[in-house]
C-alpha atoms as a PDB file:
ATOM      1  CA  MET A   1      88.945  44.272  89.252  1.00  0.00           C
ATOM      2  CA  GLY A   2      86.050  45.764  91.213  1.00  0.00           C
ATOM      3  CA  LEU A   3      87.284  49.322  90.632  1.00  0.00           C
ATOM      4  CA  LEU A   4      87.564  48.768  86.890  1.00  0.00           C
ATOM      5  CA  ALA A   5      84.092  47.264  86.749  1.00  0.00           C
ATOM      6  CA  SER A   6      82.730  50.219  88.734  1.00  0.00           C
ATOM      7  CA  LEU A   7      84.371  52.686  86.361  1.00  0.00           C
ATOM      8  CA  LEU A   8      83.098  50.878  83.298  1.00  0.00           C
ATOM      9  CA  SER A   9      79.554  50.603  84.638  1.00  0.00           C
ATOM     10  CA  GLY A  10      79.611  54.273  85.629  1.00  0.00           C
ATOM     11  CA  PHE A  11      80.772  55.269  82.185  1.00  0.00           C
ATOM     12  CA  ALA A  12      78.178  53.060  80.522  1.00  0.00           C
ATOM     13  CA  SER A  13      75.341  54.391  82.648  1.00  0.00           C
ATOM     14  CA  GLY A  14      76.140  57.999  81.890  1.00  0.00           C
ATOM     15  CA  GLU A  15      77.126  58.938  85.454  1.00  0.00           C
ATOM     16  CA  THR A  16      80.576  59.968  84.289  1.00  0.00           C
ATOM     17  CA  ILE A  17      79.147  62.337  81.692  1.00  0.00           C
ATOM     18  CA  ALA A  18      76.795  63.806  84.290  1.00  0.00           C
ATOM     19  CA  ALA A  19      79.704  64.300  86.711  1.00  0.00           C
ATOM     20  CA  ILE A  20      81.716  66.054  83.992  1.00  0.00           C
ATOM     21  CA  ARG A  21      78.769  68.340  83.242  1.00  0.00           C
ATOM     22  CA  ARG A  22      78.380  69.178  86.947  1.00  0.00           C
ATOM     23  CA  ALA A  23      82.102  69.933  87.221  1.00  0.00           C
ATOM     24  CA  ARG A  24      82.018  72.152  84.121  1.00  0.00           C
ATOM     25  CA  THR A  25      78.949  74.016  85.427  1.00  0.00           C
ATOM     26  CA  ALA A  26      80.606  74.514  88.813  1.00  0.00           C
ATOM     27  CA  ALA A  27      83.779  75.823  87.140  1.00  0.00           C
ATOM     28  CA  ILE A  28      81.762  78.333  85.106  1.00  0.00           C
ATOM     29  CA  VAL A  29      79.838  79.498  88.180  1.00  0.00           C
ATOM     30  CA  TYR A  30      83.056  79.922  90.186  1.00  0.00           C
ATOM     31  CA  ALA A  31      84.690  81.839  87.320  1.00  0.00           C
ATOM     32  CA  ILE A  32      81.726  84.231  87.113  1.00  0.00           C
ATOM     33  CA  ALA A  33      81.750  84.676  90.903  1.00  0.00           C
ATOM     34  CA  ALA A  34      85.518  85.376  90.856  1.00  0.00           C
ATOM     35  CA  LEU A  35      85.062  87.930  88.069  1.00  0.00           C
ATOM     36  CA  ALA A  36      82.276  89.667  90.013  1.00  0.00           C
ATOM     37  CA  ALA A  37      84.437  89.663  93.163  1.00  0.00           C
ATOM     38  CA  LEU A  38      87.339  91.246  91.250  1.00  0.00           C
ATOM     39  CA  CYS A  39      85.020  93.930  89.858  1.00  0.00           C
ATOM     40  CA  GLY A  40      83.699  94.610  93.351  1.00  0.00           C
ATOM     41  CA  LEU A  41      87.237  94.839  94.698  1.00  0.00           C
ATOM     42  CA  GLY A  42      88.138  97.267  91.912  1.00  0.00           C
ATOM     43  CA  PHE A  43      85.186  99.499  92.778  1.00  0.00           C
ATOM     44  CA  LEU A  44      86.121  99.398  96.458  1.00  0.00           C
ATOM     45  CA  VAL A  45      89.665 100.490  95.608  1.00  0.00           C
ATOM     46  CA  GLY A  46      88.224 103.244  93.398  1.00  0.00           C
ATOM     47  CA  ALA A  47      85.926 104.403  96.189  1.00  0.00           C
ATOM     48  CA  ALA A  48      88.816 104.426  98.661  1.00  0.00           C
ATOM     49  CA  TYR A  49      90.854 106.484  96.189  1.00  0.00           C
ATOM     50  CA  ILE A  50      88.012 108.987  95.730  1.00  0.00           C
ATOM     51  CA  TRP A  51      87.667 109.313  99.505  1.00  0.00           C
ATOM     52  CA  ALA A  52      91.434 109.742  99.965  1.00  0.00           C
ATOM     53  CA  ALA A  53      91.603 112.251  97.103  1.00  0.00           C
ATOM     54  CA  ALA A  54      88.811 114.326  98.643  1.00  0.00           C
ATOM     55  CA  ARG A  55      90.456 114.215 102.063  1.00  0.00           C
ATOM     56  CA  TYR A  56      94.195 114.532 101.206  1.00  0.00           C
ATOM     57  CA  GLY A  57      94.250 115.717  97.595  1.00  0.00           C
ATOM     58  CA  SER A  58      94.600 113.734  94.394  1.00  0.00           C
ATOM     59  CA  PHE A  59      98.409 113.745  94.287  1.00  0.00           C
ATOM     60  CA  ALA A  60      98.813 112.512  97.849  1.00  0.00           C
ATOM     61  CA  ALA A  61      96.103 109.886  97.346  1.00  0.00           C
ATOM     62  CA  ALA A  62      97.700 108.605  94.128  1.00  0.00           C
ATOM     63  CA  LEU A  63     101.111 108.548  95.807  1.00  0.00           C
ATOM     64  CA  GLY A  64      99.730 106.708  98.845  1.00  0.00           C
ATOM     65  CA  PHE A  65      97.885 104.133  96.764  1.00  0.00           C
ATOM     66  CA  GLY A  66     100.941 103.571  94.565  1.00  0.00           C
ATOM     67  CA  VAL A  67     103.220 103.044  97.558  1.00  0.00           C
ATOM     68  CA  GLY A  68     100.599 100.855  99.249  1.00  0.00           C
ATOM     69  CA  PHE A  69     100.252  98.556  96.245  1.00  0.00           C
ATOM     70  CA  LEU A  70     104.039  98.339  95.854  1.00  0.00           C
ATOM     71  CA  VAL A  71     104.343  97.342  99.528  1.00  0.00           C
ATOM     72  CA  ILE A  72     101.636  94.692  99.051  1.00  0.00           C
ATOM     73  CA  ALA A  73     103.454  93.356  95.968  1.00  0.00           C
ATOM     74  CA  GLY A  74     106.745  93.225  97.884  1.00  0.00           C
ATOM     75  CA  LEU A  75     105.131  91.375 100.782  1.00  0.00           C
ATOM     76  CA  VAL A  76     103.517  88.859  98.428  1.00  0.00           C
ATOM     77  CA  LEU A  77     106.869  88.188  96.728  1.00  0.00           C
ATOM     78  CA  LEU A  78     108.690  87.904 100.060  1.00  0.00           C
ATOM     79  CA  ILE A  79     106.139  85.455 101.451  1.00  0.00           C
ATOM     80  CA  HIS A  80     106.270  83.447  98.213  1.00  0.00           C
ATOM     81  CA  ARG A  81     110.048  83.266  98.346  1.00  0.00           C
ATOM     82  CA  LEU A  82     110.030  82.125 101.982  1.00  0.00           C
ATOM     83  CA  MET A  83     107.326  79.551 101.346  1.00  0.00           C
ATOM     84  CA  SER A  84     108.989  78.209  98.182  1.00  0.00           C
ATOM     85  CA  GLY A  85     112.279  77.736 100.034  1.00  0.00           C
ATOM     86  CA  ALA A  86     110.527  75.772 102.778  1.00  0.00           C
ATOM     87  CA  ARG A  87     108.613  73.793 100.159  1.00  0.00           C
ATOM     88  CA  ALA A  88     111.832  72.972  98.276  1.00  0.00           C
ATOM     89  CA  ARG A  89     113.481  71.711 101.483  1.00  0.00           C
ATOM     90  CA  ARG A  90     110.410  69.624 102.337  1.00  0.00           C
ATOM     91  CA  GLU A  91     110.358  68.123  98.820  1.00  0.00           C
ATOM     92  CA  ALA A  92     114.091  67.366  98.999  1.00  0.00           C
ATOM     93  CA  ARG A  93     113.571  65.500 102.282  1.00  0.00           C
ATOM     94  CA  ARG A  94     110.647  63.596 100.776  1.00  0.00           C
ATOM     95  CA  ARG A  95     112.699  62.676  97.693  1.00  0.00           C
ATOM     96  CA  SER A  96     115.503  61.479  99.948  1.00  0.00           C
ATOM     97  CA  VAL A  97     113.129  59.277 101.921  1.00  0.00           C
ATOM     98  CA  ASP A  98     111.586  57.981  98.687  1.00  0.00           C
ATOM     99  CA  MET A  99     115.003  57.152  97.233  1.00  0.00           C
ATOM    100  CA  LYS A 100     115.998  55.306 100.408  1.00  0.00           C
ATOM    101  CA  ALA A 101     112.778  53.319 100.308  1.00  0.00           C
ATOM    102  CA  LEU A 102     113.324  52.568  96.621  1.00  0.00           C
ATOM    103  CA  GLY A 103     116.892  51.441  97.315  1.00  0.00           C
ATOM    104  CA  ILE A 104     115.774  49.190 100.150  1.00  0.00           C
ATOM    105  CA  ALA A 105     113.016  47.699  98.007  1.00  0.00           C
ATOM    106  CA  ALA A 106     115.433  47.091  95.130  1.00  0.00           C
ATOM    107  CA  ALA A 107     117.963  45.503  97.468  1.00  0.00           C
ATOM    108  CA  LEU A 108     115.330  43.222  98.956  1.00  0.00           C
ATOM    109  CA  ALA A 109     114.137  42.270  95.485  1.00  0.00           C
ATOM    110  CA  VAL A 110     117.651  41.365  94.330  1.00  0.00           C
ATOM    111  CA  LEU A 111     118.680  39.632  97.566  1.00  0.00           C
ATOM    112  CA  PRO A 112     117.347  36.138  96.734  1.00  0.00           C
ATOM    113  CA  THR A 113     119.060  36.200  93.346  1.00  0.00           C
ATOM    114  CA  LEU A 114     122.368  37.253  94.873  1.00  0.00           C
ATOM    115  CA  LEU A 115     122.187  34.566  97.518  1.00  0.00           C
ATOM    116  CA  ARG A 116     121.636  31.869  94.871  1.00  0.00           C
ATOM    117  CA  GLY A 117     124.480  33.098  92.635  1.00  0.00           C
ATOM    118  CA  LYS A 118     128.146  31.996  92.576  1.00  0.00           C
ATOM    119  CA  GLY A 119     129.393  34.691  94.942  1.00  0.00           C
ATOM    120  CA  GLY A 120     126.516  34.100  97.307  1.00  0.00           C
ATOM    121  CA  LEU A 121     126.894  35.730 100.672  1.00  0.00           C
ATOM    122  CA  GLY A 122     130.236  37.367  99.783  1.00  0.00           C
ATOM    123  CA  VAL A 123     128.566  39.535  97.129  1.00  0.00           C
ATOM    124  CA  ILE A 124     126.249  40.942  99.789  1.00  0.00           C
ATOM    125  CA  LEU A 125     128.601  41.154 102.747  1.00  0.00           C
ATOM    126  CA  GLY A 126     131.353  43.052 100.914  1.00  0.00           C
ATOM    127  CA  PRO A 127     129.305  46.205 100.164  1.00  0.00           C
ATOM    128  CA  ALA A 128     127.470  45.913 103.502  1.00  0.00           C
ATOM    129  CA  VAL A 129     130.763  45.929 105.429  1.00  0.00           C
ATOM    130  CA  ALA A 130     131.987  48.861 103.313  1.00  0.00           C
ATOM    131  CA  LEU A 131     128.813  50.829 104.055  1.00  0.00           C
ATOM    132  CA  ALA A 132     129.068  50.089 107.772  1.00  0.00           C
ATOM    133  CA  ALA A 133     132.732  51.156 107.801  1.00  0.00           C
ATOM    134  CA  TYR A 134     131.871  54.380 105.985  1.00  0.00           C
ATOM    135  CA  ALA A 135     129.036  55.109 108.435  1.00  0.00           C
ATOM    136  CA  ILE A 136     131.394  54.574 111.385  1.00  0.00           C
ATOM    137  CA  TYR A 137     133.987  56.808 109.736  1.00  0.00           C
ATOM    138  CA  ARG A 138     131.433  59.604 109.118  1.00  0.00           C
ATOM    139  CA  GLU A 139     130.225  59.379 112.705  1.00  0.00           C
ATOM    140  CA  ASN A 140     133.742  59.709 114.159  1.00  0.00           C
ATOM    141  CA  VAL A 141     135.137  62.430 111.887  1.00  0.00           C
ATOM    142  CA  LYS A 142     135.100  65.916 113.387  1.00  0.00           C
ATOM    143  CA  PRO A 143     133.079  68.450 111.374  1.00  0.00           C
ATOM    144  CA  ASP A 144     134.911  71.252 109.622  1.00  0.00           C
ATOM    145  CA  ASP A 145     135.553  74.502 111.447  1.00  0.00           C
ATOM    146  CA  PRO A 146     132.227  76.413 111.340  1.00  0.00           C
ATOM    147  CA  ASP A 147     134.020  79.780 111.277  1.00  0.00           C
ATOM    148  CA  GLY A 148     136.015  78.825 108.219  1.00  0.00           C
ATOM    149  CA  GLY A 149     139.237  79.362 110.190  1.00  0.00           C
ATOM    150  CA  GLU A 150     138.560  83.081 110.759  1.00  0.00           C
ATOM    151  CA  GLY A 151     137.383  83.147 114.362  1.00  0.00           C
ATOM    152  CA  LYS A 152     140.705  83.935 116.103  1.00  0.00           C
END
């Protein structure tokens, strides 16, 4: 209740509008700064090209800059691919943990209702025993041949 009252009083007093204006102004300033930085970077690349063209010739400079930018693009894509794979694995683990927590919470929420019902404890113990048996089975089963049967 306190958070809602704080939000409503902030909105009524105009603080929210002032915060939105500050955020919009900051976004505009950062966009202008980014544009100026990109222009500066472009001029630095142009200056480096002029220097390389004067030193090695225009064809060699253009060839070197082209290859250099292609290598940079390849590295960026490679790093992105590696990072996205790691991110996908991390998100899959997090989803798995979240689903387990959700399942446990749902089971705990339903537990009192199941205990009061006709089946009572049998409704709960049946699946629990099956899960325990499956876990024991999975623990004692040998994993498949890692070589796929081709090692010998």
